[in-house]
Amino acid sequence: MRRFLTLLGRELGGAFHQPLAYVVLFFFLLITGFNFHAGVALLNKSAGSTTMVEAFFNTVYFWFPFVLVFPLITMRVFAEEVKLGTIETLMTAPVRDGQVVFAKYFGAWIFYLILWVPSLLYFYVFQVTTSLSAAGAVGSYLGAYSMLLLIGLLYTAIGCLASVVTDNQIVAAVIALAGILALFFLGLLTLFLPGAGPFVRELTYYFSPIQHMMDFSRGIFDTRPVVFYLSSTVLVLFAVFQVFKYRRWKS
């Protein structure tokens, strides 16, 4: 555990020593701030049953930075070390392959979580200034942020897999974005096939992060998305481990 924590600290420290981290933080906050403003404007224009939490987590302004951020925060995880040659030192250190993989993975995932911390302040400010609740119930907060964690687990794993198969960060980012978008648009299949049967609609829901976030942000919990994201994350991380192990053996 001590070695894992040391590796994890190394990953987080390395991430915040990169100028890209602060560029990502700045633009992510800028876009999410605009998204929050758009949500407030929407509520001001039309009174309805939609809460601030639902308006924030279910717009194109939310999904656009959400999808793009994962390639940016994971592209350097393995690819940069391979390019710089520091991966050789890491591979010869007295650490296990699993410790290296998990440290890099959770380092990127924790950075992703840090990006969302300011959003809690948005809802606090909303409630203080308007004296209104940003959500219909506590379950809406728990559901929305639980889905953020779950989707983040899988998409971060996909980004790490893209980074471990190449030593070029740009290529890693492109591969990660392609994989994430393919999975994302799979959940929109019914939009392109309006006459699809019940089986296709059920399958589409199983893969649809938009529908999952919509339900969870309303406080509607379903175990199927939870099982999907957790099992898929384990599967992708297993692939990351195998590729890393192969590259270590090959070197």
Protein backbone atom coordinates (compact mmCIF):
# COMPACT_ATOMS: atom_id res chain seq x y z
CA MET A 1 0.00 0.00 0.00
CA ARG A 2 2.87 2.40 0.80
CA ARG A 3 4.37 1.93 -2.66
CA PHE A 4 1.00 2.45 -4.29
CA LEU A 5 0.45 5.70 -2.37
CA THR A 6 3.94 6.86 -3.33
CA LEU A 7 3.21 6.17 -6.99
CA LEU A 8 -0.18 7.86 -6.70
CA GLY A 9 1.43 10.96 -5.18
CA ARG A 10 3.96 10.94 -8.00
CA GLU A 11 1.17 10.87 -10.59
CA LEU A 12 -0.81 13.69 -8.99
CA GLY A 13 2.30 15.79 -8.52
CA GLY A 14 3.32 15.20 -12.13
CA ALA A 15 -0.14 16.16 -13.35
CA PHE A 16 -0.13 19.51 -11.56
CA HIS A 17 3.39 20.29 -12.76
CA GLN A 18 2.10 20.23 -16.33
CA PRO A 19 0.84 23.52 -17.85
CA LEU A 20 -1.86 21.50 -19.61
CA ALA A 21 -3.48 20.74 -16.26
CA TYR A 22 -4.13 24.41 -15.57
CA VAL A 23 -5.30 25.04 -19.12
CA VAL A 24 -7.79 22.20 -18.74
CA LEU A 25 -8.90 23.53 -15.34
CA PHE A 26 -9.41 27.05 -16.70
CA PHE A 27 -11.43 26.12 -19.76
CA PHE A 28 -13.38 23.44 -17.90
CA LEU A 29 -14.43 25.96 -15.26
CA LEU A 30 -15.23 28.50 -17.96
CA ILE A 31 -17.53 26.13 -19.85
CA THR A 32 -19.21 24.67 -16.77
CA GLY A 33 -19.74 28.20 -15.44
CA PHE A 34 -21.42 29.11 -18.72
CA ASN A 35 -23.48 25.94 -18.45
CA PHE A 36 -24.64 26.93 -14.98
CA HIS A 37 -25.57 30.41 -16.22
CA ALA A 38 -27.51 28.87 -19.10
CA GLY A 39 -29.36 26.66 -16.62
CA VAL A 40 -30.34 29.65 -14.48
CA ALA A 41 -31.50 31.54 -17.58
CA LEU A 42 -33.60 28.55 -18.62
CA LEU A 43 -35.30 28.39 -15.23
CA ASN A 44 -35.97 32.13 -15.32
CA LYS A 45 -37.66 31.91 -18.72
CA SER A 46 -39.95 28.98 -18.02
CA ALA A 47 -41.28 27.84 -14.70
CA GLY A 48 -41.65 24.09 -14.50
CA SER A 49 -40.71 20.98 -12.63
CA THR A 50 -37.07 21.02 -13.81
CA THR A 51 -34.60 21.63 -10.98
CA MET A 52 -31.26 23.41 -11.19
CA VAL A 53 -29.41 20.11 -10.82
CA GLU A 54 -31.30 18.63 -13.77
CA ALA A 55 -30.73 21.73 -15.87
CA PHE A 56 -27.00 21.69 -15.11
CA PHE A 57 -26.30 18.03 -15.82
CA ASN A 58 -28.48 17.54 -18.90
CA THR A 59 -27.41 20.07 -21.53
CA VAL A 60 -25.04 20.04 -24.47
CA TYR A 61 -22.86 22.52 -22.55
CA PHE A 62 -22.37 19.82 -19.93
CA TRP A 63 -21.67 16.89 -22.27
CA PHE A 64 -19.30 18.75 -24.60
CA PRO A 65 -16.52 19.41 -22.02
CA PHE A 66 -17.35 16.18 -20.22
CA VAL A 67 -16.47 14.01 -23.22
CA LEU A 68 -13.45 16.06 -24.27
CA VAL A 69 -11.75 16.24 -20.89
CA PHE A 70 -10.85 12.55 -20.61
CA PRO A 71 -8.47 12.38 -23.60
CA LEU A 72 -6.74 15.51 -22.29
CA ILE A 73 -6.13 14.22 -18.76
CA THR A 74 -5.16 10.66 -19.73
CA MET A 75 -3.12 11.06 -22.91
CA ARG A 76 0.11 11.65 -20.97
CA VAL A 77 -0.40 8.94 -18.35
CA PHE A 78 1.64 6.24 -20.11
CA ALA A 79 2.56 7.78 -23.47
CA GLU A 80 4.64 10.61 -22.01
CA GLU A 81 6.71 8.28 -19.84
CA VAL A 82 7.40 6.00 -22.80
CA LYS A 83 8.43 8.95 -24.96
CA LEU A 84 10.71 10.43 -22.29
CA GLY A 85 12.17 7.04 -21.36
CA THR A 86 11.22 7.35 -17.69
CA ILE A 87 9.01 4.30 -18.03
CA GLU A 88 12.17 2.17 -18.09
CA THR A 89 13.13 3.37 -14.62
CA LEU A 90 9.61 2.72 -13.38
CA MET A 91 9.57 -0.77 -14.85
CA THR A 92 12.81 -1.69 -13.11
CA ALA A 93 11.70 -0.30 -9.74
CA PRO A 94 10.60 -2.74 -7.01
CA VAL A 95 6.90 -2.19 -7.71
CA ARG A 96 4.28 -4.47 -9.19
CA ASP A 97 2.68 -3.89 -12.56
CA GLY A 98 -0.73 -3.63 -10.94
CA GLN A 99 0.47 -0.92 -8.57
CA VAL A 100 1.78 1.15 -11.48
CA VAL A 101 -1.41 0.75 -13.51
CA PHE A 102 -3.73 1.54 -10.62
CA ALA A 103 -1.63 4.51 -9.48
CA LYS A 104 -1.72 6.04 -12.95
CA TYR A 105 -5.40 5.29 -13.37
CA PHE A 106 -6.51 6.70 -10.02
CA GLY A 107 -4.18 9.69 -10.44
CA ALA A 108 -6.05 10.65 -13.61
CA TRP A 109 -9.43 9.86 -12.05
CA ILE A 110 -8.76 11.98 -8.96
CA PHE A 111 -7.73 14.88 -11.19
CA TYR A 112 -11.05 14.45 -13.01
CA LEU A 113 -12.89 14.59 -9.67
CA ILE A 114 -11.08 17.80 -8.73
CA LEU A 115 -12.52 19.41 -11.84
CA TRP A 116 -16.03 18.96 -10.47
CA VAL A 117 -15.44 20.31 -6.96
CA PRO A 118 -16.34 23.93 -7.95
CA SER A 119 -19.75 22.76 -9.20
CA LEU A 120 -20.75 22.17 -5.57
CA LEU A 121 -20.10 25.86 -4.97
CA TYR A 122 -22.38 26.75 -7.89
CA PHE A 123 -25.35 25.06 -6.24
CA TYR A 124 -24.52 26.54 -2.85
CA VAL A 125 -24.43 30.05 -4.31
CA PHE A 126 -27.70 29.39 -6.14
CA GLN A 127 -29.46 28.38 -2.93
CA VAL A 128 -28.05 31.31 -0.94
CA THR A 129 -28.94 33.95 -3.53
CA THR A 130 -32.37 32.61 -4.49
CA SER A 131 -33.43 30.93 -1.21
CA LEU A 132 -34.54 28.03 -3.40
CA SER A 133 -33.35 24.46 -3.40
CA ALA A 134 -31.22 23.52 -6.40
CA ALA A 135 -32.63 19.99 -6.27
CA GLY A 136 -35.98 18.48 -5.43
CA ALA A 137 -34.36 16.12 -2.93
CA VAL A 138 -30.98 15.02 -1.63
CA GLY A 139 -31.29 12.01 -3.91
CA SER A 140 -30.87 14.27 -6.93
CA TYR A 141 -27.45 15.40 -5.70
CA LEU A 142 -26.43 11.86 -4.81
CA GLY A 143 -27.67 10.50 -8.12
CA ALA A 144 -26.02 13.13 -10.32
CA TYR A 145 -22.64 12.98 -8.61
CA SER A 146 -22.75 9.20 -8.36
CA MET A 147 -23.20 9.07 -12.11
CA LEU A 148 -20.30 11.50 -12.54
CA LEU A 149 -18.12 9.08 -10.57
CA LEU A 150 -19.29 5.99 -12.45
CA ILE A 151 -19.01 7.38 -15.97
CA GLY A 152 -15.67 8.90 -15.02
CA LEU A 153 -14.39 5.49 -13.93
CA LEU A 154 -15.05 3.96 -17.35
CA TYR A 155 -13.98 6.90 -19.53
CA THR A 156 -10.75 7.34 -17.56
CA ALA A 157 -10.00 3.65 -18.07
CA ILE A 158 -10.58 4.03 -21.82
CA GLY A 159 -8.19 6.98 -21.86
CA CYS A 160 -5.53 4.99 -20.00
CA LEU A 161 -5.90 2.11 -22.46
CA ALA A 162 -5.38 4.52 -25.35
CA SER A 163 -2.30 5.97 -23.65
CA VAL A 164 -0.67 2.62 -22.91
CA VAL A 165 -0.79 1.40 -26.52
CA THR A 166 1.22 4.30 -27.98
CA ASP A 167 4.11 6.62 -27.10
CA ASN A 168 2.50 9.61 -28.84
CA GLN A 169 0.22 11.75 -26.68
CA ILE A 170 -1.75 13.17 -29.61
CA VAL A 171 -2.40 9.69 -30.99
CA ALA A 172 -3.45 8.57 -27.50
CA ALA A 173 -5.89 11.48 -27.23
CA VAL A 174 -7.40 10.72 -30.64
CA ILE A 175 -7.81 7.02 -29.84
CA ALA A 176 -9.38 7.82 -26.47
CA LEU A 177 -11.77 10.36 -27.98
CA ALA A 178 -12.79 7.93 -30.74
CA GLY A 179 -13.46 5.15 -28.21
CA ILE A 180 -15.44 7.40 -25.87
CA LEU A 181 -17.49 8.94 -28.68
CA ALA A 182 -18.25 5.49 -30.13
CA LEU A 183 -19.58 4.36 -26.75
CA PHE A 184 -21.38 7.69 -26.24
CA PHE A 185 -23.18 7.65 -29.58
CA LEU A 186 -24.12 4.01 -29.14
CA GLY A 187 -26.46 5.29 -26.47
CA LEU A 188 -28.11 7.57 -29.06
CA LEU A 189 -28.88 4.76 -31.47
CA THR A 190 -32.65 5.19 -31.17
CA LEU A 191 -32.34 8.75 -32.51
CA PHE A 192 -31.01 7.35 -35.79
CA LEU A 193 -33.41 4.37 -35.74
CA PRO A 194 -36.77 5.82 -34.64
CA GLY A 195 -38.59 2.65 -35.64
CA ALA A 196 -36.40 0.38 -33.53
CA GLY A 197 -38.04 -2.33 -31.48
CA PRO A 198 -38.08 -2.79 -27.69
CA PHE A 199 -34.83 -4.76 -27.66
CA VAL A 200 -32.88 -1.97 -29.39
CA ARG A 201 -34.41 0.67 -27.12
CA GLU A 202 -33.48 -1.37 -24.04
CA LEU A 203 -29.96 -1.92 -25.35
CA THR A 204 -29.60 1.78 -26.12
CA TYR A 205 -30.63 2.72 -22.59
CA TYR A 206 -28.04 0.34 -21.20
CA PHE A 207 -25.28 2.27 -23.01
CA SER A 208 -26.74 5.80 -22.82
CA PRO A 209 -24.93 8.11 -20.38
CA ILE A 210 -27.40 10.87 -21.25
CA GLN A 211 -30.37 8.79 -20.13
CA HIS A 212 -28.49 7.53 -17.08
CA MET A 213 -27.64 11.08 -15.98
CA MET A 214 -31.16 12.26 -16.66
CA ASP A 215 -32.64 9.56 -14.44
CA PHE A 216 -30.07 9.76 -11.66
CA SER A 217 -30.20 13.58 -11.49
CA ARG A 218 -33.92 13.20 -10.82
CA GLY A 219 -33.19 10.82 -7.95
CA ILE A 220 -34.24 7.73 -9.94
CA PHE A 221 -31.71 4.98 -9.17
CA ASP A 222 -31.27 1.96 -11.42
CA THR A 223 -28.73 -0.79 -10.73
CA ARG A 224 -28.21 -1.60 -14.43
CA PRO A 225 -26.02 1.44 -15.22
CA VAL A 226 -24.06 0.83 -12.02
CA VAL A 227 -23.31 -2.75 -13.05
CA PHE A 228 -22.48 -1.67 -16.60
CA TYR A 229 -19.97 1.04 -15.64
CA LEU A 230 -18.27 -0.98 -12.91
CA SER A 231 -17.96 -4.18 -14.96
CA SER A 232 -16.82 -2.30 -18.07
CA THR A 233 -14.22 -0.42 -16.04
CA VAL A 234 -12.81 -3.66 -14.66
CA LEU A 235 -12.67 -5.13 -18.17
CA VAL A 236 -10.87 -2.11 -19.66
CA LEU A 237 -8.43 -1.91 -16.75
CA PHE A 238 -7.63 -5.58 -17.22
CA ALA A 239 -6.75 -4.76 -20.83
CA VAL A 240 -4.56 -1.86 -19.66
CA PHE A 241 -2.75 -4.18 -17.26
CA GLN A 242 -2.16 -6.80 -19.95
CA VAL A 243 -0.81 -4.26 -22.46
CA PHE A 244 1.45 -2.68 -19.85
CA LYS A 245 2.70 -6.10 -18.77
CA TYR A 246 3.42 -7.02 -22.41
CA ARG A 247 5.35 -3.79 -22.99
CA ARG A 248 7.34 -4.36 -19.83
CA TRP A 249 8.19 -7.92 -20.90
CA LYS A 250 9.02 -6.75 -24.43
CA SER A 251 11.40 -4.08 -23.17
